[in-house]
Amino acid sequence: MQDKTPVTTKILIAMCVGLITGSLINAFLQDVSWIQDYVVNGLFHVIGKAFINALKMLVVPLVTFSLICGVCGIGDVGVLGRIGIKAFALYLLTTGLAITLALTIAIIAAPGENFEQAKAAADFAPPAAPPLTEVFINIVPGNPVNAFAEGNMLQIIFFVILFGIAMLMAGDAGKQLAIGAEHMNEVMMKVVTVVMDFAPIGVFFLMAKTFSEQGISLILPMIGYFSVVIACLVLHAVGTFSVLLIFLARLNPWVFFKKMRPAQIFAFSTASSNATIPVTLQVVEQRLGVNNITASFTVPLGATINMDGTAIMQGVATVFIANVYGIDLGLIDYVTVVGMSILASIGTAGVPGVGLIMLAMVFNQVGLPVEGIGLILGVDRLLDMLRTVVNITGDATVTSIVARGENEIDDTVFNDPDAGIITEVALPHQV
């Protein structure tokens, strides 16, 4: 008898069991050296990291072939430019709304006002952030092979779009390449389903390791900051995205969020927008009904430049650190934070922890002590998991809006509760 339980349900169960297992180890076995050496830093670390690498392994080839199919499928450079401008503008809009919401709620809630000053001595040495001019210059790859090897998503997207346009201009030679890219894209989507079949195991070990190291107790001293960030993330995801879906995409938010659950679970467990790209693409196309032509362009772009969750963290953290150190920020400072967060999101890689680098840039700009970031490091990993969920939900929201505008979304698929559900993976010998 075949197991018909959806992979998403298995992942959710694995995530909960991993959370409980990790928390118990943190609470009762933290001083047992062999548990830490062989279980937490051994078994949990190796299998969890291997699963993350398996997801990252899919990203570059999947984005490359999918994006080529998208560009060639559009077939018109003018239409491609229109889709790109729409997506780019919407991503910047949602990031601006996110940081504004975060600052407004944080100013009202005032986290950090009664925080012990002694705790403000935490040390943090931020990596050097590149100048914004360098970020824009580096969008154009000096060496495309190096960009593919390092997984630099903006450079890859730039090169592949340029290559796809050249294929359209090349006539028959380009058409032959496009057919090959379509076949490769189909194969890569099958590889995605195979990796997803092992997802519950990977997610269990990832969650177990995170909570073995972090524990629930670290949240308690930072409960004010932690609570405000979560409240802002929930309000933005449920409120802002729902309004955009209703009025711009003409879609039911309840159905949308229900169908986004597989990608959201992956985003939470990996804390990486880039690593979640294969699952996001699969959900957007097979569950939401967005045409591959649109999704293959907007999803990778969103994973690279859409940082709504990170922007929310920056807004709350700015107010929190200012309150801890007793520094008054004026209207100009808050406007600067909004502008810096929007600009910094462009060219930021969707990998864990990058938000701290962006936060250091914002703090330097408004005159806050960068070492204050050390205060939030303890809970940042947990919040990073949550804000990645918001980031990929924003990617899917913008993709749905753009698809609606281009008439590239299938409402029949969107309204079908069983569309795209994966219960098992058919390996070649099973066919």
Protein backbone atom coordinates (compact mmCIF):
# COMPACT_ATOMS: atom_id res chain seq x y z
CA MET A 1 0.00 0.00 0.00
CA GLN A 2 1.43 3.33 -1.08
CA ASP A 3 1.83 6.19 1.37
CA LYS A 4 -0.38 9.05 0.15
CA THR A 5 0.61 11.50 2.90
CA PRO A 6 1.70 14.78 1.25
CA VAL A 7 5.41 15.60 1.57
CA THR A 8 4.41 18.92 3.16
CA THR A 9 2.69 17.15 6.06
CA LYS A 10 5.72 14.92 6.59
CA ILE A 11 8.00 17.99 6.62
CA LEU A 12 5.78 19.78 9.13
CA ILE A 13 5.87 16.75 11.45
CA ALA A 14 9.66 16.46 11.06
CA MET A 15 10.05 20.16 11.82
CA CYS A 16 8.05 19.90 15.07
CA VAL A 17 9.88 16.74 16.18
CA GLY A 18 13.23 18.38 15.38
CA LEU A 19 12.28 21.50 17.36
CA ILE A 20 11.29 19.42 20.41
CA THR A 21 14.36 17.18 20.16
CA GLY A 22 16.74 20.14 19.86
CA SER A 23 15.12 22.05 22.72
CA LEU A 24 15.36 19.00 25.01
CA ILE A 25 19.04 18.54 24.17
CA ASN A 26 19.67 22.24 24.85
CA ALA A 27 17.84 22.08 28.18
CA PHE A 28 19.15 18.78 29.61
CA LEU A 29 22.16 17.56 27.60
CA GLN A 30 24.07 20.73 26.81
CA ASP A 31 27.01 19.72 29.06
CA VAL A 32 27.26 16.15 27.76
CA SER A 33 30.33 16.34 25.54
CA TRP A 34 29.69 13.25 23.42
CA ILE A 35 26.14 14.43 22.63
CA GLN A 36 27.50 17.79 21.47
CA ASP A 37 30.44 16.30 19.55
CA TYR A 38 28.83 13.32 17.87
CA VAL A 39 25.12 14.17 17.73
CA VAL A 40 24.72 17.98 17.49
CA ASN A 41 27.98 18.87 15.70
CA GLY A 42 28.25 15.46 14.08
CA LEU A 43 25.05 13.77 12.90
CA PHE A 44 22.76 16.84 12.98
CA HIS A 45 25.32 19.11 11.36
CA VAL A 46 26.42 16.73 8.59
CA ILE A 47 22.98 15.63 7.40
CA GLY A 48 21.44 19.11 7.80
CA LYS A 49 24.27 20.76 5.89
CA ALA A 50 24.16 18.07 3.20
CA PHE A 51 20.45 18.76 2.70
CA ILE A 52 21.08 22.51 2.36
CA ASN A 53 23.82 21.77 -0.19
CA ALA A 54 21.41 19.51 -2.11
CA LEU A 55 18.94 22.39 -2.37
CA LYS A 56 21.65 24.87 -3.37
CA MET A 57 22.90 22.35 -5.93
CA LEU A 58 19.61 22.78 -7.81
CA VAL A 59 19.49 26.57 -7.83
CA VAL A 60 21.94 27.60 -10.56
CA PRO A 61 20.99 25.00 -13.23
CA LEU A 62 17.28 25.34 -12.47
CA VAL A 63 17.33 29.16 -12.65
CA THR A 64 19.47 29.05 -15.80
CA PHE A 65 17.29 26.67 -17.84
CA SER A 66 14.02 28.01 -16.44
CA LEU A 67 14.99 31.60 -17.18
CA ILE A 68 16.08 30.75 -20.73
CA CYS A 69 12.70 29.05 -21.27
CA GLY A 70 10.98 32.12 -19.86
CA VAL A 71 12.82 34.59 -22.08
CA CYS A 72 12.37 32.47 -25.20
CA GLY A 73 8.73 31.80 -24.28
CA ILE A 74 8.00 35.51 -24.06
CA GLY A 75 9.57 35.92 -27.48
CA ASP A 76 9.37 39.72 -27.38
CA VAL A 77 12.06 41.87 -25.77
CA GLY A 78 9.50 44.64 -25.17
CA VAL A 79 7.24 42.29 -23.18
CA LEU A 80 10.26 40.99 -21.26
CA GLY A 81 11.19 44.56 -20.33
CA ARG A 82 7.62 45.26 -19.21
CA ILE A 83 7.55 42.19 -16.95
CA GLY A 84 10.96 43.08 -15.52
CA ILE A 85 9.96 46.67 -14.74
CA LYS A 86 6.69 45.58 -13.12
CA ALA A 87 8.40 42.98 -10.95
CA PHE A 88 11.25 45.30 -9.95
CA ALA A 89 8.87 48.14 -9.02
CA LEU A 90 6.60 45.82 -7.01
CA TYR A 91 9.54 44.32 -5.11
CA LEU A 92 10.79 47.78 -4.16
CA LEU A 93 7.23 48.82 -3.19
CA THR A 94 6.71 45.83 -0.86
CA THR A 95 10.14 46.41 0.74
CA GLY A 96 9.29 50.08 1.30
CA LEU A 97 5.93 49.15 2.85
CA ALA A 98 7.64 46.55 5.07
CA ILE A 99 10.25 48.92 6.53
CA THR A 100 7.66 51.68 7.02
CA LEU A 101 5.33 49.30 8.87
CA ALA A 102 8.20 48.05 11.04
CA LEU A 103 9.35 51.54 12.01
CA THR A 104 5.79 52.66 12.82
CA ILE A 105 5.03 49.68 15.07
CA ALA A 106 8.48 49.76 16.71
CA ILE A 107 8.17 53.47 17.54
CA ILE A 108 4.77 52.81 19.15
CA ALA A 109 5.85 49.65 21.02
CA ALA A 110 9.28 51.11 21.95
CA PRO A 111 11.21 47.84 22.49
CA GLY A 112 14.46 48.25 24.42
CA GLU A 113 13.47 51.23 26.57
CA ASN A 114 13.95 49.34 29.86
CA PHE A 115 16.79 47.15 28.62
CA GLU A 116 19.75 46.86 31.00
CA GLN A 117 22.56 49.10 29.78
CA ALA A 118 25.14 46.55 30.94
CA LYS A 119 23.94 44.20 28.25
CA ALA A 120 24.79 46.74 25.60
CA ALA A 121 28.46 45.83 25.72
CA ALA A 122 28.09 42.88 23.35
CA ASP A 123 30.79 42.74 20.72
CA PHE A 124 30.07 42.54 17.03
CA ALA A 125 32.51 43.07 14.17
CA PRO A 126 30.49 43.43 10.96
CA PRO A 127 32.03 42.39 7.65
CA ALA A 128 32.91 45.32 5.44
CA ALA A 129 29.93 46.24 3.26
CA PRO A 130 30.72 47.15 -0.37
CA PRO A 131 29.81 50.67 -1.57
CA LEU A 132 26.42 50.89 -3.28
CA THR A 133 28.15 51.93 -6.51
CA GLU A 134 30.09 48.65 -6.48
CA VAL A 135 26.86 46.69 -5.99
CA PHE A 136 25.40 48.19 -9.19
CA ILE A 137 28.65 47.74 -11.13
CA ASN A 138 28.90 44.11 -10.04
CA ILE A 139 25.48 43.29 -11.52
CA VAL A 140 27.37 42.92 -14.83
CA PRO A 141 29.61 39.83 -14.54
CA GLY A 142 33.22 40.32 -15.58
CA ASN A 143 33.50 36.54 -15.79
CA PRO A 144 30.21 34.64 -16.32
CA VAL A 145 31.86 31.30 -15.49
CA ASN A 146 32.98 32.68 -12.14
CA ALA A 147 29.46 34.04 -11.49
CA PHE A 148 27.99 30.56 -12.08
CA ALA A 149 30.66 28.92 -9.92
CA GLU A 150 30.03 31.28 -6.99
CA GLY A 151 26.25 31.31 -7.41
CA ASN A 152 26.06 35.11 -7.76
CA MET A 153 22.35 35.31 -8.61
CA LEU A 154 22.16 38.89 -9.92
CA GLN A 155 25.09 38.31 -12.29
CA ILE A 156 23.62 34.97 -13.40
CA ILE A 157 20.21 36.53 -14.05
CA PHE A 158 21.81 39.38 -16.04
CA PHE A 159 23.89 37.01 -18.18
CA VAL A 160 21.11 34.47 -18.79
CA ILE A 161 18.60 37.16 -19.81
CA LEU A 162 21.18 38.62 -22.22
CA PHE A 163 21.92 35.13 -23.54
CA GLY A 164 18.19 34.41 -23.94
CA ILE A 165 17.67 37.64 -25.91
CA ALA A 166 20.61 36.67 -28.15
CA MET A 167 18.95 33.26 -28.71
CA LEU A 168 15.80 35.04 -29.92
CA MET A 169 17.90 37.08 -32.34
CA ALA A 170 19.84 34.01 -33.60
CA GLY A 171 16.86 32.44 -35.40
CA ASP A 172 17.01 28.68 -36.02
CA ALA A 173 20.18 28.16 -33.97
CA GLY A 174 18.50 29.83 -31.00
CA LYS A 175 15.36 27.73 -31.44
CA GLN A 176 17.39 24.51 -31.29
CA LEU A 177 19.04 25.67 -28.06
CA ALA A 178 15.65 26.66 -26.64
CA ILE A 179 14.28 23.14 -27.25
CA GLY A 180 17.29 21.70 -25.42
CA ALA A 181 16.77 24.15 -22.53
CA GLU A 182 13.13 23.06 -22.24
CA HIS A 183 14.17 19.42 -21.94
CA MET A 184 16.82 20.30 -19.35
CA ASN A 185 14.27 22.34 -17.40
CA GLU A 186 11.89 19.36 -17.27
CA VAL A 187 14.69 17.12 -16.02
CA MET A 188 15.70 19.66 -13.34
CA MET A 189 12.12 19.83 -12.05
CA LYS A 190 12.22 16.04 -11.67
CA VAL A 191 15.46 16.38 -9.70
CA VAL A 192 13.63 18.87 -7.45
CA THR A 193 10.91 16.31 -6.68
CA VAL A 194 13.54 13.66 -5.88
CA VAL A 195 15.31 16.00 -3.42
CA MET A 196 11.96 16.91 -1.87
CA ASP A 197 11.33 13.24 -1.14
CA PHE A 198 14.24 13.37 1.33
CA ALA A 199 13.17 16.76 2.72
CA PRO A 200 11.56 15.51 5.98
CA ILE A 201 14.87 13.92 7.03
CA GLY A 202 16.87 17.05 6.19
CA VAL A 203 14.40 19.37 7.90
CA PHE A 204 14.44 17.28 11.10
CA PHE A 205 18.22 17.50 11.42
CA LEU A 206 18.29 21.22 10.56
CA MET A 207 15.69 22.06 13.21
CA ALA A 208 17.28 19.76 15.79
CA LYS A 209 20.70 21.38 15.36
CA THR A 210 19.35 24.94 15.45
CA PHE A 211 17.41 24.46 18.67
CA SER A 212 20.15 22.31 20.25
CA GLU A 213 22.44 25.33 19.95
CA GLN A 214 19.98 28.19 20.41
CA GLY A 215 17.33 26.89 22.77
CA ILE A 216 14.13 28.64 23.71
CA SER A 217 15.72 30.35 26.74
CA LEU A 218 17.71 32.80 24.59
CA ILE A 219 14.48 34.48 23.53
CA LEU A 220 13.44 35.52 27.06
CA PRO A 221 15.83 38.49 27.63
CA MET A 222 14.99 39.77 24.13
CA ILE A 223 11.24 39.11 24.30
CA GLY A 224 10.31 42.73 23.52
CA TYR A 225 12.43 42.94 20.37
CA PHE A 226 11.52 39.36 19.36
CA SER A 227 7.78 39.96 19.77
CA VAL A 228 7.74 43.24 17.82
CA VAL A 229 9.64 41.68 14.89
CA ILE A 230 7.26 38.71 14.76
CA ALA A 231 4.21 40.98 15.00
CA CYS A 232 5.50 43.07 12.08
CA LEU A 233 6.29 39.98 10.00
CA VAL A 234 2.80 38.56 10.56
CA LEU A 235 1.07 41.90 9.85
CA HIS A 236 3.03 42.42 6.65
CA ALA A 237 2.50 38.86 5.40
CA VAL A 238 -1.17 38.59 6.30
CA GLY A 239 -2.14 42.24 5.89
CA THR A 240 -0.03 43.83 3.14
CA PHE A 241 0.20 40.76 0.91
CA SER A 242 -3.52 40.00 1.29
CA VAL A 243 -4.46 43.52 0.18
CA LEU A 244 -2.12 43.29 -2.82
CA LEU A 245 -3.47 39.85 -3.76
CA ILE A 246 -7.11 40.97 -3.55
CA PHE A 247 -6.80 44.25 -5.43
CA LEU A 248 -3.92 43.67 -7.85
CA ALA A 249 -3.95 39.90 -8.46
CA ARG A 250 -7.69 39.31 -7.84
CA LEU A 251 -6.88 36.13 -5.90
CA ASN A 252 -8.21 34.67 -2.65
CA PRO A 253 -5.50 35.22 0.04
CA TRP A 254 -6.70 32.24 2.10
CA VAL A 255 -6.23 29.87 -0.84
CA PHE A 256 -2.90 31.53 -1.67
CA PHE A 257 -1.42 31.12 1.82
CA LYS A 258 -2.70 27.55 2.10
CA LYS A 259 -1.01 26.59 -1.15
CA MET A 260 2.22 28.40 -0.25
CA ARG A 261 2.72 26.20 2.83
CA PRO A 262 5.30 23.80 1.25
CA ALA A 263 7.58 26.66 0.19
CA GLN A 264 7.11 28.44 3.54
CA ILE A 265 8.11 25.33 5.49
CA PHE A 266 11.23 24.96 3.36
CA ALA A 267 12.06 28.65 3.81
CA PHE A 268 11.67 28.36 7.58
CA SER A 269 13.90 25.29 7.86
CA THR A 270 16.65 26.54 5.51
CA ALA A 271 16.57 30.32 6.27
CA SER A 272 17.67 30.88 2.66
CA SER A 273 15.61 32.41 -0.14
CA ASN A 274 18.04 31.06 -2.74
CA ALA A 275 17.96 27.50 -1.40
CA THR A 276 14.15 27.64 -1.50
CA ILE A 277 13.98 28.78 -5.16
CA PRO A 278 13.34 25.24 -6.55
CA VAL A 279 10.43 24.68 -4.17
CA THR A 280 9.06 28.21 -4.65
CA LEU A 281 9.08 27.74 -8.43
CA GLN A 282 7.35 24.39 -8.15
CA VAL A 283 4.64 25.76 -5.84
CA VAL A 284 4.06 28.93 -7.87
CA GLU A 285 3.73 27.03 -11.13
CA GLN A 286 2.00 23.80 -10.08
CA ARG A 287 -0.03 24.96 -7.07
CA LEU A 288 -0.83 28.60 -7.92
CA GLY A 289 -1.09 28.13 -11.68
CA VAL A 290 1.41 30.80 -12.79
CA ASN A 291 2.90 30.18 -16.23
CA ASN A 292 6.58 29.18 -16.23
CA ILE A 293 7.30 32.07 -18.58
CA THR A 294 6.54 34.59 -15.83
CA ALA A 295 7.55 32.56 -12.76
CA SER A 296 10.98 31.61 -14.11
CA PHE A 297 11.83 35.31 -14.36
CA THR A 298 10.21 36.87 -11.29
CA VAL A 299 10.96 34.19 -8.64
CA PRO A 300 14.78 34.17 -9.04
CA LEU A 301 14.74 37.97 -9.25
CA GLY A 302 12.69 38.16 -6.06
CA ALA A 303 14.97 35.74 -4.19
CA THR A 304 17.79 38.14 -4.99
CA ILE A 305 16.34 41.63 -4.45
CA ASN A 306 13.14 41.12 -2.41
CA MET A 307 14.02 41.40 1.29
CA ASP A 308 10.76 42.34 3.02
CA GLY A 309 11.49 40.24 6.11
CA THR A 310 15.02 41.60 6.39
CA ALA A 311 13.74 45.17 6.00
CA ILE A 312 11.32 44.59 8.89
CA MET A 313 14.15 43.32 11.08
CA GLN A 314 16.22 46.39 10.22
CA GLY A 315 13.42 48.78 11.13
CA VAL A 316 12.69 47.18 14.51
CA ALA A 317 16.39 46.68 15.31
CA THR A 318 17.11 50.35 14.57
CA VAL A 319 14.48 51.54 17.05
CA PHE A 320 15.50 48.86 19.59
CA ILE A 321 19.21 49.76 19.58
CA ALA A 322 18.42 53.49 19.65
CA ASN A 323 16.27 52.93 22.76
CA VAL A 324 18.90 50.72 24.44
CA TYR A 325 21.60 53.36 24.01
CA GLY A 326 19.27 56.29 24.67
CA ILE A 327 19.80 57.86 21.23
CA ASP A 328 17.00 59.98 19.78
CA LEU A 329 16.38 59.53 16.07
CA GLY A 330 14.59 62.24 14.09
CA LEU A 331 12.28 62.08 11.09
CA ILE A 332 15.22 62.48 8.69
CA ASP A 333 16.96 59.51 10.31
CA TYR A 334 13.88 57.32 9.87
CA VAL A 335 13.49 58.38 6.23
CA THR A 336 17.18 57.51 5.77
CA VAL A 337 16.55 54.06 7.25
CA VAL A 338 13.69 53.50 4.79
CA GLY A 339 15.81 54.58 1.82
CA MET A 340 18.87 52.59 2.89
CA SER A 341 16.84 49.43 3.45
CA ILE A 342 15.28 49.63 -0.01
CA LEU A 343 18.61 50.30 -1.74
CA ALA A 344 20.52 47.71 0.30
CA SER A 345 18.02 45.00 -0.65
CA ILE A 346 19.16 45.31 -4.28
CA GLY A 347 22.06 42.95 -4.85
CA THR A 348 21.80 41.27 -1.46
CA ALA A 349 22.26 37.52 -1.72
CA GLY A 350 19.47 35.39 -0.26
CA VAL A 351 21.65 33.54 2.23
CA PRO A 352 21.44 33.20 6.03
CA GLY A 353 22.84 36.09 8.10
CA VAL A 354 23.24 38.63 5.30
CA GLY A 355 20.70 40.91 7.04
CA LEU A 356 23.27 41.70 9.72
CA ILE A 357 25.62 43.16 7.09
CA MET A 358 22.79 45.31 5.74
CA LEU A 359 21.91 46.36 9.30
CA ALA A 360 25.49 47.49 9.92
CA MET A 361 25.25 49.73 6.83
CA VAL A 362 22.01 51.27 8.15
CA PHE A 363 23.46 51.83 11.64
CA ASN A 364 26.53 53.56 10.21
CA GLN A 365 24.32 55.84 8.14
CA VAL A 366 22.20 57.07 11.09
CA GLY A 367 24.97 57.13 13.70
CA LEU A 368 24.02 54.14 15.87
CA PRO A 369 26.76 52.00 17.50
CA VAL A 370 27.36 49.00 15.26
CA GLU A 371 28.49 46.90 18.24
CA GLY A 372 24.86 46.99 19.40
CA ILE A 373 24.11 44.36 16.75
CA GLY A 374 25.75 41.89 19.13
CA LEU A 375 22.65 42.16 21.30
CA ILE A 376 20.37 40.62 18.70
CA LEU A 377 22.73 37.90 17.49
CA GLY A 378 21.32 35.37 19.96
CA VAL A 379 17.83 35.40 18.46
CA ASP A 380 18.76 36.35 14.91
CA ARG A 381 18.92 32.78 13.62
CA LEU A 382 15.34 32.09 14.72
CA LEU A 383 14.12 35.40 13.29
CA ASP A 384 16.09 34.76 10.10
CA MET A 385 14.02 31.62 9.56
CA LEU A 386 10.78 33.56 10.02
CA ARG A 387 11.70 36.50 7.83
CA THR A 388 12.79 34.15 5.03
CA VAL A 389 9.20 32.85 5.04
CA VAL A 390 7.99 36.43 4.50
CA ASN A 391 10.58 36.98 1.76
CA ILE A 392 9.53 34.00 -0.36
CA THR A 393 5.83 34.73 0.26
CA GLY A 394 6.50 38.20 -1.14
CA ASP A 395 8.21 36.63 -4.18
CA ALA A 396 5.10 34.55 -4.87
CA THR A 397 2.77 37.51 -4.27
CA VAL A 398 4.58 39.75 -6.77
CA THR A 399 4.82 36.86 -9.24
CA SER A 400 1.05 36.34 -9.02
CA ILE A 401 0.39 40.07 -9.54
CA VAL A 402 2.67 40.25 -12.57
CA ALA A 403 1.16 37.03 -13.97
CA ARG A 404 -2.35 38.47 -13.59
CA GLY A 405 -1.31 41.61 -15.44
CA GLU A 406 0.15 39.51 -18.26
CA ASN A 407 -2.83 37.06 -18.23
CA GLU A 408 -0.40 34.24 -17.41
CA ILE A 409 -2.16 32.68 -14.40
CA ASP A 410 -4.55 29.73 -14.59
CA ASP A 411 -7.46 30.31 -12.17
CA THR A 412 -8.59 26.69 -12.58
CA VAL A 413 -5.30 25.45 -11.14
CA PHE A 414 -5.30 28.12 -8.42
CA ASN A 415 -8.79 27.18 -7.25
CA ASP A 416 -8.15 23.42 -7.38
CA PRO A 417 -7.11 22.36 -3.83
CA ASP A 418 -5.42 19.21 -5.13
CA ALA A 419 -3.45 20.81 -7.98
CA GLY A 420 0.29 20.15 -7.72
CA ILE A 421 0.21 18.15 -4.46
CA ILE A 422 3.16 15.77 -4.23
CA THR A 423 2.59 12.55 -2.30
CA GLU A 424 5.46 10.49 -3.70
CA VAL A 425 8.29 10.64 -6.24
CA ALA A 426 8.21 8.29 -9.20
CA LEU A 427 11.80 7.14 -9.76
CA PRO A 428 12.72 5.78 -13.21
CA HIS A 429 12.52 2.12 -12.15
CA GLN A 430 8.99 2.70 -10.80
CA VAL A 431 7.58 4.02 -14.04
